[in-house]
Amino acid sequence: MDKEEILSRNKRYNKNEEDEREEYISARAGINAKIVFSLVIVFLAFFKHYNGISTGDVWGIFTAYAATESFYKYHYLNHTKFLISGILFSVSSTILLLQFIISTYR
């Protein structure tokens, strides 16, 4: 192995390690964002419920987010459980948003 080959391998290794680090950080950021989003949704739902306001819009947004995540996972991982949960979350989101619209115009 000559000097140039060693340098090129080292460069490739360092680049791959940087990519893995970025992927890890992105995954952790995604998890933390989900936790914060969920806490905000729960807080808003309790606040609206306490004040006698319909919470269908908040839960509709939450289930739409869950449906999007499930369909995305199904697209790349091709597990049927993600397809089923995506469909169920989509139906739930539609029902909750319709419930909110109907209760708003009553």
PDB file of N, CA and C in Angstrom:
ATOM      1  N   MET A   1       0.843  -1.166   0.000  1.00  0.00           N
ATOM      2  CA  MET A   1       0.000   0.000   0.000  1.00  0.00           C
ATOM      3  C   MET A   1       0.899   1.244   0.000  1.00  0.00           C
ATOM      4  N   ASP A   2       0.644   2.099  -0.948  1.00  0.00           N
ATOM      5  CA  ASP A   2       1.458   3.312  -1.007  1.00  0.00           C
ATOM      6  C   ASP A   2       0.786   4.451  -0.239  1.00  0.00           C
ATOM      7  N   LYS A   3       1.499   5.533  -0.157  1.00  0.00           N
ATOM      8  CA  LYS A   3       1.052   6.677   0.632  1.00  0.00           C
ATOM      9  C   LYS A   3      -0.270   7.253   0.117  1.00  0.00           C
ATOM     10  N   GLU A   4      -0.427   7.360  -1.201  1.00  0.00           N
ATOM     11  CA  GLU A   4      -1.642   7.933  -1.792  1.00  0.00           C
ATOM     12  C   GLU A   4      -2.871   7.071  -1.499  1.00  0.00           C
ATOM     13  N   GLU A   5      -2.690   5.773  -1.558  1.00  0.00           N
ATOM     14  CA  GLU A   5      -3.809   4.871  -1.278  1.00  0.00           C
ATOM     15  C   GLU A   5      -4.256   4.981   0.186  1.00  0.00           C
ATOM     16  N   ILE A   6      -3.298   5.071   1.076  1.00  0.00           N
ATOM     17  CA  ILE A   6      -3.618   5.226   2.496  1.00  0.00           C
ATOM     18  C   ILE A   6      -4.362   6.535   2.735  1.00  0.00           C
ATOM     19  N   LEU A   7      -3.897   7.608   2.105  1.00  0.00           N
ATOM     20  CA  LEU A   7      -4.556   8.905   2.268  1.00  0.00           C
ATOM     21  C   LEU A   7      -5.980   8.892   1.710  1.00  0.00           C
ATOM     22  N   SER A   8      -6.174   8.248   0.553  1.00  0.00           N
ATOM     23  CA  SER A   8      -7.517   8.214  -0.036  1.00  0.00           C
ATOM     24  C   SER A   8      -8.472   7.382   0.822  1.00  0.00           C
ATOM     25  N   ARG A   9      -8.002   6.267   1.372  1.00  0.00           N
ATOM     26  CA  ARG A   9      -8.842   5.457   2.256  1.00  0.00           C
ATOM     27  C   ARG A   9      -9.199   6.226   3.526  1.00  0.00           C
ATOM     28  N   ASN A  10      -8.226   6.924   4.058  1.00  0.00           N
ATOM     29  CA  ASN A  10      -8.466   7.708   5.264  1.00  0.00           C
ATOM     30  C   ASN A  10      -9.498   8.804   4.999  1.00  0.00           C
ATOM     31  N   LYS A  11      -9.415   9.424   3.839  1.00  0.00           N
ATOM     32  CA  LYS A  11     -10.370  10.472   3.473  1.00  0.00           C
ATOM     33  C   LYS A  11     -11.786   9.902   3.376  1.00  0.00           C
ATOM     34  N   ARG A  12     -11.908   8.740   2.734  1.00  0.00           N
ATOM     35  CA  ARG A  12     -13.221   8.091   2.608  1.00  0.00           C
ATOM     36  C   ARG A  12     -13.773   7.706   3.969  1.00  0.00           C
ATOM     37  N   TYR A  13     -12.926   7.164   4.826  1.00  0.00           N
ATOM     38  CA  TYR A  13     -13.367   6.756   6.158  1.00  0.00           C
ATOM     39  C   TYR A  13     -13.865   7.958   6.957  1.00  0.00           C
ATOM     40  N   ASN A  14     -13.119   9.029   6.933  1.00  0.00           N
ATOM     41  CA  ASN A  14     -13.523  10.230   7.671  1.00  0.00           C
ATOM     42  C   ASN A  14     -14.830  10.792   7.134  1.00  0.00           C
ATOM     43  N   LYS A  15     -15.030  10.735   5.828  1.00  0.00           N
ATOM     44  CA  LYS A  15     -16.274  11.237   5.239  1.00  0.00           C
ATOM     45  C   LYS A  15     -17.451  10.372   5.683  1.00  0.00           C
ATOM     46  N   ASN A  16     -17.294   9.054   5.676  1.00  0.00           N
ATOM     47  CA  ASN A  16     -18.371   8.159   6.105  1.00  0.00           C
ATOM     48  C   ASN A  16     -18.702   8.353   7.580  1.00  0.00           C
ATOM     49  N   GLU A  17     -17.677   8.547   8.396  1.00  0.00           N
ATOM     50  CA  GLU A  17     -17.917   8.748   9.820  1.00  0.00           C
ATOM     51  C   GLU A  17     -18.671  10.054  10.055  1.00  0.00           C
ATOM     52  N   GLU A  18     -18.352  11.080   9.292  1.00  0.00           N
ATOM     53  CA  GLU A  18     -19.072  12.352   9.392  1.00  0.00           C
ATOM     54  C   GLU A  18     -20.532  12.156   9.009  1.00  0.00           C
ATOM     55  N   ASP A  19     -20.781  11.381   7.950  1.00  0.00           N
ATOM     56  CA  ASP A  19     -22.155  11.119   7.536  1.00  0.00           C
ATOM     57  C   ASP A  19     -22.927  10.378   8.622  1.00  0.00           C
ATOM     58  N   GLU A  20     -22.299   9.398   9.253  1.00  0.00           N
ATOM     59  CA  GLU A  20     -22.956   8.653  10.322  1.00  0.00           C
ATOM     60  C   GLU A  20     -23.274   9.566  11.500  1.00  0.00           C
ATOM     61  N   ARG A  21     -22.370  10.475  11.798  1.00  0.00           N
ATOM     62  CA  ARG A  21     -22.594  11.422  12.895  1.00  0.00           C
ATOM     63  C   ARG A  21     -23.776  12.332  12.571  1.00  0.00           C
ATOM     64  N   GLU A  22     -23.832  12.824  11.350  1.00  0.00           N
ATOM     65  CA  GLU A  22     -24.947  13.680  10.934  1.00  0.00           C
ATOM     66  C   GLU A  22     -26.269  12.919  10.983  1.00  0.00           C
ATOM     67  N   GLU A  23     -26.262  11.662  10.543  1.00  0.00           N
ATOM     68  CA  GLU A  23     -27.475  10.845  10.595  1.00  0.00           C
ATOM     69  C   GLU A  23     -27.931  10.636  12.038  1.00  0.00           C
ATOM     70  N   TYR A  24     -26.986  10.372  12.921  1.00  0.00           N
ATOM     71  CA  TYR A  24     -27.314  10.170  14.334  1.00  0.00           C
ATOM     72  C   TYR A  24     -27.918  11.438  14.932  1.00  0.00           C
ATOM     73  N   ILE A  25     -27.292  12.574  14.644  1.00  0.00           N
ATOM     74  CA  ILE A  25     -27.790  13.849  15.170  1.00  0.00           C
ATOM     75  C   ILE A  25     -29.168  14.154  14.602  1.00  0.00           C
ATOM     76  N   SER A  26     -29.369  13.899  13.322  1.00  0.00           N
ATOM     77  CA  SER A  26     -30.680  14.136  12.706  1.00  0.00           C
ATOM     78  C   SER A  26     -31.750  13.249  13.330  1.00  0.00           C
ATOM     79  N   ALA A  27     -31.403  11.997  13.586  1.00  0.00           N
ATOM     80  CA  ALA A  27     -32.364  11.078  14.207  1.00  0.00           C
ATOM     81  C   ALA A  27     -32.725  11.547  15.613  1.00  0.00           C
ATOM     82  N   ARG A  28     -31.737  11.951  16.396  1.00  0.00           N
ATOM     83  CA  ARG A  28     -31.998  12.449  17.751  1.00  0.00           C
ATOM     84  C   ARG A  28     -32.830  13.727  17.713  1.00  0.00           C
ATOM     85  N   ALA A  29     -32.539  14.596  16.760  1.00  0.00           N
ATOM     86  CA  ALA A  29     -33.314  15.836  16.627  1.00  0.00           C
ATOM     87  C   ALA A  29     -34.764  15.514  16.284  1.00  0.00           C
ATOM     88  N   GLY A  30     -34.967  14.524  15.412  1.00  0.00           N
ATOM     89  CA  GLY A  30     -36.323  14.115  15.054  1.00  0.00           C
ATOM     90  C   GLY A  30     -37.095  13.579  16.245  1.00  0.00           C
ATOM     91  N   ILE A  31     -36.438  12.779  17.057  1.00  0.00           N
ATOM     92  CA  ILE A  31     -37.087  12.225  18.249  1.00  0.00           C
ATOM     93  C   ILE A  31     -37.458  13.343  19.223  1.00  0.00           C
ATOM     94  N   ASN A  32     -36.531  14.258  19.447  1.00  0.00           N
ATOM     95  CA  ASN A  32     -36.815  15.374  20.357  1.00  0.00           C
ATOM     96  C   ASN A  32     -37.932  16.260  19.818  1.00  0.00           C
ATOM     97  N   ALA A  33     -37.966  16.471  18.510  1.00  0.00           N
ATOM     98  CA  ALA A  33     -39.033  17.277  17.905  1.00  0.00           C
ATOM     99  C   ALA A  33     -40.387  16.596  18.093  1.00  0.00           C
ATOM    100  N   LYS A  34     -40.428  15.271  17.954  1.00  0.00           N
ATOM    101  CA  LYS A  34     -41.680  14.535  18.156  1.00  0.00           C
ATOM    102  C   LYS A  34     -42.172  14.668  19.595  1.00  0.00           C
ATOM    103  N   ILE A  35     -41.254  14.592  20.534  1.00  0.00           N
ATOM    104  CA  ILE A  35     -41.631  14.711  21.945  1.00  0.00           C
ATOM    105  C   ILE A  35     -42.202  16.096  22.229  1.00  0.00           C
ATOM    106  N   VAL A  36     -41.515  17.131  21.763  1.00  0.00           N
ATOM    107  CA  VAL A  36     -41.991  18.501  21.990  1.00  0.00           C
ATOM    108  C   VAL A  36     -43.331  18.720  21.296  1.00  0.00           C
ATOM    109  N   PHE A  37     -43.467  18.250  20.054  1.00  0.00           N
ATOM    110  CA  PHE A  37     -44.721  18.391  19.317  1.00  0.00           C
ATOM    111  C   PHE A  37     -45.859  17.712  20.071  1.00  0.00           C
ATOM    112  N   SER A  38     -45.618  16.519  20.567  1.00  0.00           N
ATOM    113  CA  SER A  38     -46.649  15.788  21.311  1.00  0.00           C
ATOM    114  C   SER A  38     -47.046  16.520  22.585  1.00  0.00           C
ATOM    115  N   LEU A  39     -46.070  17.059  23.294  1.00  0.00           N
ATOM    116  CA  LEU A  39     -46.379  17.799  24.517  1.00  0.00           C
ATOM    117  C   LEU A  39     -47.192  19.060  24.225  1.00  0.00           C
ATOM    118  N   VAL A  40     -46.851  19.756  23.156  1.00  0.00           N
ATOM    119  CA  VAL A  40     -47.609  20.954  22.777  1.00  0.00           C
ATOM    120  C   VAL A  40     -49.045  20.581  22.417  1.00  0.00           C
ATOM    121  N   ILE A  41     -49.213  19.497  21.666  1.00  0.00           N
ATOM    122  CA  ILE A  41     -50.556  19.048  21.286  1.00  0.00           C
ATOM    123  C   ILE A  41     -51.383  18.703  22.524  1.00  0.00           C
ATOM    124  N   VAL A  42     -50.796  17.960  23.446  1.00  0.00           N
ATOM    125  CA  VAL A  42     -51.519  17.579  24.660  1.00  0.00           C
ATOM    126  C   VAL A  42     -51.876  18.823  25.473  1.00  0.00           C
ATOM    127  N   PHE A  43     -50.945  19.756  25.613  1.00  0.00           N
ATOM    128  CA  PHE A  43     -51.227  20.997  26.339  1.00  0.00           C
ATOM    129  C   PHE A  43     -52.376  21.761  25.688  1.00  0.00           C
ATOM    130  N   LEU A  44     -52.330  21.920  24.364  1.00  0.00           N
ATOM    131  CA  LEU A  44     -53.400  22.634  23.661  1.00  0.00           C
ATOM    132  C   LEU A  44     -54.747  21.929  23.814  1.00  0.00           C
ATOM    133  N   ALA A  45     -54.731  20.609  23.729  1.00  0.00           N
ATOM    134  CA  ALA A  45     -55.984  19.856  23.863  1.00  0.00           C
ATOM    135  C   ALA A  45     -56.587  20.044  25.255  1.00  0.00           C
ATOM    136  N   PHE A  46     -55.757  19.949  26.296  1.00  0.00           N
ATOM    137  CA  PHE A  46     -56.270  20.166  27.653  1.00  0.00           C
ATOM    138  C   PHE A  46     -56.761  21.600  27.836  1.00  0.00           C
ATOM    139  N   PHE A  47     -56.019  22.550  27.328  1.00  0.00           N
ATOM    140  CA  PHE A  47     -56.409  23.956  27.447  1.00  0.00           C
ATOM    141  C   PHE A  47     -57.742  24.218  26.754  1.00  0.00           C
ATOM    142  N   LYS A  48     -57.882  23.713  25.528  1.00  0.00           N
ATOM    143  CA  LYS A  48     -59.126  23.925  24.787  1.00  0.00           C
ATOM    144  C   LYS A  48     -60.295  23.202  25.455  1.00  0.00           C
ATOM    145  N   HIS A  49     -60.050  21.990  25.925  1.00  0.00           N
ATOM    146  CA  HIS A  49     -61.109  21.230  26.599  1.00  0.00           C
ATOM    147  C   HIS A  49     -61.548  21.939  27.883  1.00  0.00           C
ATOM    148  N   TYR A  50     -60.597  22.445  28.641  1.00  0.00           N
ATOM    149  CA  TYR A  50     -60.893  23.154  29.887  1.00  0.00           C
ATOM    150  C   TYR A  50     -61.740  24.400  29.621  1.00  0.00           C
ATOM    151  N   ASN A  51     -61.504  25.062  28.499  1.00  0.00           N
ATOM    152  CA  ASN A  51     -62.256  26.269  28.143  1.00  0.00           C
ATOM    153  C   ASN A  51     -63.507  25.978  27.327  1.00  0.00           C
ATOM    154  N   GLY A  52     -63.849  24.713  27.161  1.00  0.00           N
ATOM    155  CA  GLY A  52     -65.076  24.336  26.467  1.00  0.00           C
ATOM    156  C   GLY A  52     -65.015  24.492  24.956  1.00  0.00           C
ATOM    157  N   ILE A  53     -63.820  24.448  24.399  1.00  0.00           N
ATOM    158  CA  ILE A  53     -63.639  24.583  22.951  1.00  0.00           C
ATOM    159  C   ILE A  53     -63.368  23.193  22.379  1.00  0.00           C
ATOM    160  N   SER A  54     -63.891  22.932  21.196  1.00  0.00           N
ATOM    161  CA  SER A  54     -63.684  21.633  20.546  1.00  0.00           C
ATOM    162  C   SER A  54     -62.194  21.380  20.313  1.00  0.00           C
ATOM    163  N   THR A  55     -61.772  20.147  20.582  1.00  0.00           N
ATOM    164  CA  THR A  55     -60.360  19.790  20.407  1.00  0.00           C
ATOM    165  C   THR A  55     -60.115  18.970  19.145  1.00  0.00           C
ATOM    166  N   GLY A  56     -61.121  18.848  18.296  1.00  0.00           N
ATOM    167  CA  GLY A  56     -60.972  18.029  17.093  1.00  0.00           C
ATOM    168  C   GLY A  56     -59.869  18.500  16.170  1.00  0.00           C
ATOM    169  N   ASP A  57     -59.669  19.815  16.088  1.00  0.00           N
ATOM    170  CA  ASP A  57     -58.625  20.327  15.205  1.00  0.00           C
ATOM    171  C   ASP A  57     -57.233  19.935  15.685  1.00  0.00           C
ATOM    172  N   VAL A  58     -57.014  20.009  16.994  1.00  0.00           N
ATOM    173  CA  VAL A  58     -55.699  19.671  17.547  1.00  0.00           C
ATOM    174  C   VAL A  58     -55.398  18.195  17.335  1.00  0.00           C
ATOM    175  N   TRP A  59     -56.366  17.340  17.670  1.00  0.00           N
ATOM    176  CA  TRP A  59     -56.147  15.905  17.487  1.00  0.00           C
ATOM    177  C   TRP A  59     -56.099  15.540  16.003  1.00  0.00           C
ATOM    178  N   GLY A  60     -56.828  16.271  15.165  1.00  0.00           N
ATOM    179  CA  GLY A  60     -56.760  16.047  13.719  1.00  0.00           C
ATOM    180  C   GLY A  60     -55.377  16.328  13.166  1.00  0.00           C
ATOM    181  N   ILE A  61     -54.764  17.407  13.637  1.00  0.00           N
ATOM    182  CA  ILE A  61     -53.398  17.739  13.211  1.00  0.00           C
ATOM    183  C   ILE A  61     -52.426  16.668  13.691  1.00  0.00           C
ATOM    184  N   PHE A  62     -52.598  16.232  14.935  1.00  0.00           N
ATOM    185  CA  PHE A  62     -51.707  15.212  15.486  1.00  0.00           C
ATOM    186  C   PHE A  62     -51.806  13.898  14.710  1.00  0.00           C
ATOM    187  N   THR A  63     -53.035  13.466  14.410  1.00  0.00           N
ATOM    188  CA  THR A  63     -53.190  12.208  13.675  1.00  0.00           C
ATOM    189  C   THR A  63     -52.750  12.350  12.216  1.00  0.00           C
ATOM    190  N   ALA A  64     -52.871  13.547  11.639  1.00  0.00           N
ATOM    191  CA  ALA A  64     -52.355  13.763  10.283  1.00  0.00           C
ATOM    192  C   ALA A  64     -50.833  13.638  10.273  1.00  0.00           C
ATOM    193  N   TYR A  65     -50.197  14.149  11.310  1.00  0.00           N
ATOM    194  CA  TYR A  65     -48.742  14.006  11.448  1.00  0.00           C
ATOM    195  C   TYR A  65     -48.364  12.528  11.575  1.00  0.00           C
ATOM    196  N   ALA A  66     -49.096  11.803  12.409  1.00  0.00           N
ATOM    197  CA  ALA A  66     -48.818  10.376  12.597  1.00  0.00           C
ATOM    198  C   ALA A  66     -49.045   9.595  11.305  1.00  0.00           C
ATOM    199  N   ALA A  67     -50.072   9.964  10.534  1.00  0.00           N
ATOM    200  CA  ALA A  67     -50.335   9.298   9.253  1.00  0.00           C
ATOM    201  C   ALA A  67     -49.195   9.546   8.278  1.00  0.00           C
ATOM    202  N   THR A  68     -48.722  10.777   8.226  1.00  0.00           N
ATOM    203  CA  THR A  68     -47.614  11.106   7.327  1.00  0.00           C
ATOM    204  C   THR A  68     -46.374  10.305   7.682  1.00  0.00           C
ATOM    205  N   GLU A  69     -46.071  10.229   8.967  1.00  0.00           N
ATOM    206  CA  GLU A  69     -44.908   9.467   9.406  1.00  0.00           C
ATOM    207  C   GLU A  69     -45.063   7.982   9.067  1.00  0.00           C
ATOM    208  N   SER A  70     -46.253   7.431   9.263  1.00  0.00           N
ATOM    209  CA  SER A  70     -46.491   6.013   8.975  1.00  0.00           C
ATOM    210  C   SER A  70     -46.355   5.714   7.486  1.00  0.00           C
ATOM    211  N   PHE A  71     -46.940   6.563   6.640  1.00  0.00           N
ATOM    212  CA  PHE A  71     -46.825   6.347   5.194  1.00  0.00           C
ATOM    213  C   PHE A  71     -45.380   6.487   4.720  1.00  0.00           C
ATOM    214  N   TYR A  72     -44.641   7.409   5.295  1.00  0.00           N
ATOM    215  CA  TYR A  72     -43.230   7.591   4.939  1.00  0.00           C
ATOM    216  C   TYR A  72     -42.431   6.336   5.298  1.00  0.00           C
ATOM    217  N   LYS A  73     -42.662   5.811   6.500  1.00  0.00           N
ATOM    218  CA  LYS A  73     -41.971   4.586   6.911  1.00  0.00           C
ATOM    219  C   LYS A  73     -42.373   3.411   6.023  1.00  0.00           C
ATOM    220  N   TYR A  74     -43.658   3.334   5.665  1.00  0.00           N
ATOM    221  CA  TYR A  74     -44.101   2.248   4.791  1.00  0.00           C
ATOM    222  C   TYR A  74     -43.419   2.338   3.430  1.00  0.00           C
ATOM    223  N   HIS A  75     -43.290   3.533   2.912  1.00  0.00           N
ATOM    224  CA  HIS A  75     -42.681   3.719   1.593  1.00  0.00           C
ATOM    225  C   HIS A  75     -41.243   3.194   1.566  1.00  0.00           C
ATOM    226  N   TYR A  76     -40.488   3.439   2.628  1.00  0.00           N
ATOM    227  CA  TYR A  76     -39.083   3.042   2.638  1.00  0.00           C
ATOM    228  C   TYR A  76     -38.834   1.672   3.252  1.00  0.00           C
ATOM    229  N   LEU A  77     -39.628   1.263   4.233  1.00  0.00           N
ATOM    230  CA  LEU A  77     -39.397  -0.021   4.901  1.00  0.00           C
ATOM    231  C   LEU A  77     -40.308  -1.130   4.403  1.00  0.00           C
ATOM    232  N   ASN A  78     -41.429  -0.763   3.791  1.00  0.00           N
ATOM    233  CA  ASN A  78     -42.362  -1.703   3.181  1.00  0.00           C
ATOM    234  C   ASN A  78     -42.920  -2.727   4.178  1.00  0.00           C
ATOM    235  N   HIS A  79     -43.202  -2.268   5.399  1.00  0.00           N
ATOM    236  CA  HIS A  79     -43.860  -3.115   6.394  1.00  0.00           C
ATOM    237  C   HIS A  79     -45.355  -2.797   6.376  1.00  0.00           C
ATOM    238  N   THR A  80     -46.159  -3.832   6.330  1.00  0.00           N
ATOM    239  CA  THR A  80     -47.607  -3.660   6.245  1.00  0.00           C
ATOM    240  C   THR A  80     -48.173  -2.926   7.458  1.00  0.00           C
ATOM    241  N   LYS A  81     -47.560  -3.106   8.624  1.00  0.00           N
ATOM    242  CA  LYS A  81     -48.065  -2.442   9.835  1.00  0.00           C
ATOM    243  C   LYS A  81     -48.048  -0.923   9.682  1.00  0.00           C
ATOM    244  N   PHE A  82     -47.062  -0.384   8.958  1.00  0.00           N
ATOM    245  CA  PHE A  82     -47.017   1.064   8.744  1.00  0.00           C
ATOM    246  C   PHE A  82     -48.112   1.514   7.783  1.00  0.00           C
ATOM    247  N   LEU A  83     -48.434   0.679   6.799  1.00  0.00           N
ATOM    248  CA  LEU A  83     -49.522   1.008   5.877  1.00  0.00           C
ATOM    249  C   LEU A  83     -50.859   1.028   6.623  1.00  0.00           C
ATOM    250  N   ILE A  84     -51.083   0.009   7.440  1.00  0.00           N
ATOM    251  CA  ILE A  84     -52.339  -0.070   8.191  1.00  0.00           C
ATOM    252  C   ILE A  84     -52.466   1.103   9.159  1.00  0.00           C
ATOM    253  N   SER A  85     -51.393   1.396   9.887  1.00  0.00           N
ATOM    254  CA  SER A  85     -51.472   2.524  10.829  1.00  0.00           C
ATOM    255  C   SER A  85     -51.629   3.846  10.084  1.00  0.00           C
ATOM    256  N   GLY A  86     -51.010   3.986   8.915  1.00  0.00           N
ATOM    257  CA  GLY A  86     -51.181   5.198   8.118  1.00  0.00           C
ATOM    258  C   GLY A  86     -52.617   5.389   7.671  1.00  0.00           C
ATOM    259  N   ILE A  87     -53.243   4.295   7.257  1.00  0.00           N
ATOM    260  CA  ILE A  87     -54.651   4.367   6.838  1.00  0.00           C
ATOM    261  C   ILE A  87     -55.544   4.718   8.029  1.00  0.00           C
ATOM    262  N   LEU A  88     -55.319   4.058   9.163  1.00  0.00           N
ATOM    263  CA  LEU A  88     -56.135   4.336  10.352  1.00  0.00           C
ATOM    264  C   LEU A  88     -55.962   5.775  10.836  1.00  0.00           C
ATOM    265  N   PHE A  89     -54.731   6.251  10.845  1.00  0.00           N
ATOM    266  CA  PHE A  89     -54.495   7.639  11.253  1.00  0.00           C
ATOM    267  C   PHE A  89     -55.123   8.620  10.267  1.00  0.00           C
ATOM    268  N   SER A  90     -55.102   8.296   8.973  1.00  0.00           N
ATOM    269  CA  SER A  90     -55.719   9.174   7.971  1.00  0.00           C
ATOM    270  C   SER A  90     -57.227   9.258   8.165  1.00  0.00           C
ATOM    271  N   VAL A  91     -57.847   8.107   8.393  1.00  0.00           N
ATOM    272  CA  VAL A  91     -59.292   8.085   8.634  1.00  0.00           C
ATOM    273  C   VAL A  91     -59.617   8.863   9.911  1.00  0.00           C
ATOM    274  N   SER A  92     -58.840   8.637  10.960  1.00  0.00           N
ATOM    275  CA  SER A  92     -59.058   9.355  12.220  1.00  0.00           C
ATOM    276  C   SER A  92     -58.909  10.856  12.035  1.00  0.00           C
ATOM    277  N   SER A  93     -57.886  11.255  11.310  1.00  0.00           N
ATOM    278  CA  SER A  93     -57.653  12.680  11.069  1.00  0.00           C
ATOM    279  C   SER A  93     -58.815  13.311  10.321  1.00  0.00           C
ATOM    280  N   THR A  94     -59.298  12.620   9.303  1.00  0.00           N
ATOM    281  CA  THR A  94     -60.429  13.134   8.528  1.00  0.00           C
ATOM    282  C   THR A  94     -61.671  13.279   9.401  1.00  0.00           C
ATOM    283  N   ILE A  95     -61.959  12.266  10.203  1.00  0.00           N
ATOM    284  CA  ILE A  95     -63.134  12.311  11.081  1.00  0.00           C
ATOM    285  C   ILE A  95     -63.004  13.439  12.107  1.00  0.00           C
ATOM    286  N   LEU A  96     -61.834  13.567  12.710  1.00  0.00           N
ATOM    287  CA  LEU A  96     -61.642  14.608  13.722  1.00  0.00           C
ATOM    288  C   LEU A  96     -61.753  16.007  13.129  1.00  0.00           C
ATOM    289  N   LEU A  97     -61.185  16.204  11.950  1.00  0.00           N
ATOM    290  CA  LEU A  97     -61.277  17.525  11.325  1.00  0.00           C
ATOM    291  C   LEU A  97     -62.706  17.836  10.888  1.00  0.00           C
ATOM    292  N   LEU A  98     -63.430  16.826  10.389  1.00  0.00           N
ATOM    293  CA  LEU A  98     -64.844  17.037  10.052  1.00  0.00           C
ATOM    294  C   LEU A  98     -65.665  17.358  11.299  1.00  0.00           C
ATOM    295  N   GLN A  99     -65.383  16.654  12.378  1.00  0.00           N
ATOM    296  CA  GLN A  99     -66.069  16.927  13.646  1.00  0.00           C
ATOM    297  C   GLN A  99     -65.813  18.355  14.090  1.00  0.00           C
ATOM    298  N   PHE A 100     -64.583  18.818  13.936  1.00  0.00           N
ATOM    299  CA  PHE A 100     -64.258  20.190  14.323  1.00  0.00           C
ATOM    300  C   PHE A 100     -65.000  21.198  13.446  1.00  0.00           C
ATOM    301  N   ILE A 101     -65.022  20.955  12.144  1.00  0.00           N
ATOM    302  CA  ILE A 101     -65.708  21.870  11.223  1.00  0.00           C
ATOM    303  C   ILE A 101     -67.205  21.917  11.531  1.00  0.00           C
ATOM    304  N   ILE A 102     -67.803  20.749  11.750  1.00  0.00           N
ATOM    305  CA  ILE A 102     -69.239  20.696  12.051  1.00  0.00           C
ATOM    306  C   ILE A 102     -69.544  21.410  13.366  1.00  0.00           C
ATOM    307  N   SER A 103     -68.723  21.171  14.392  1.00  0.00           N
ATOM    308  CA  SER A 103     -68.978  21.818  15.687  1.00  0.00           C
ATOM    309  C   SER A 103     -68.713  23.319  15.638  1.00  0.00           C
ATOM    310  N   THR A 104     -67.864  23.764  14.740  1.00  0.00           N
ATOM    311  CA  THR A 104     -67.579  25.196  14.614  1.00  0.00           C
ATOM    312  C   THR A 104     -68.754  25.940  14.005  1.00  0.00           C
ATOM    313  N   TYR A 105     -69.434  25.335  13.044  1.00  0.00           N
ATOM    314  CA  TYR A 105     -70.519  26.007  12.338  1.00  0.00           C
ATOM    315  C   TYR A 105     -71.898  25.721  12.921  1.00  0.00           C
ATOM    316  N   ARG A 106     -71.979  25.127  14.071  1.00  0.00           N
ATOM    317  CA  ARG A 106     -73.271  24.886  14.718  1.00  0.00           C
ATOM    318  C   ARG A 106     -73.768  26.103  15.401  1.00  0.00           C
TER     319      ARG A 106
END
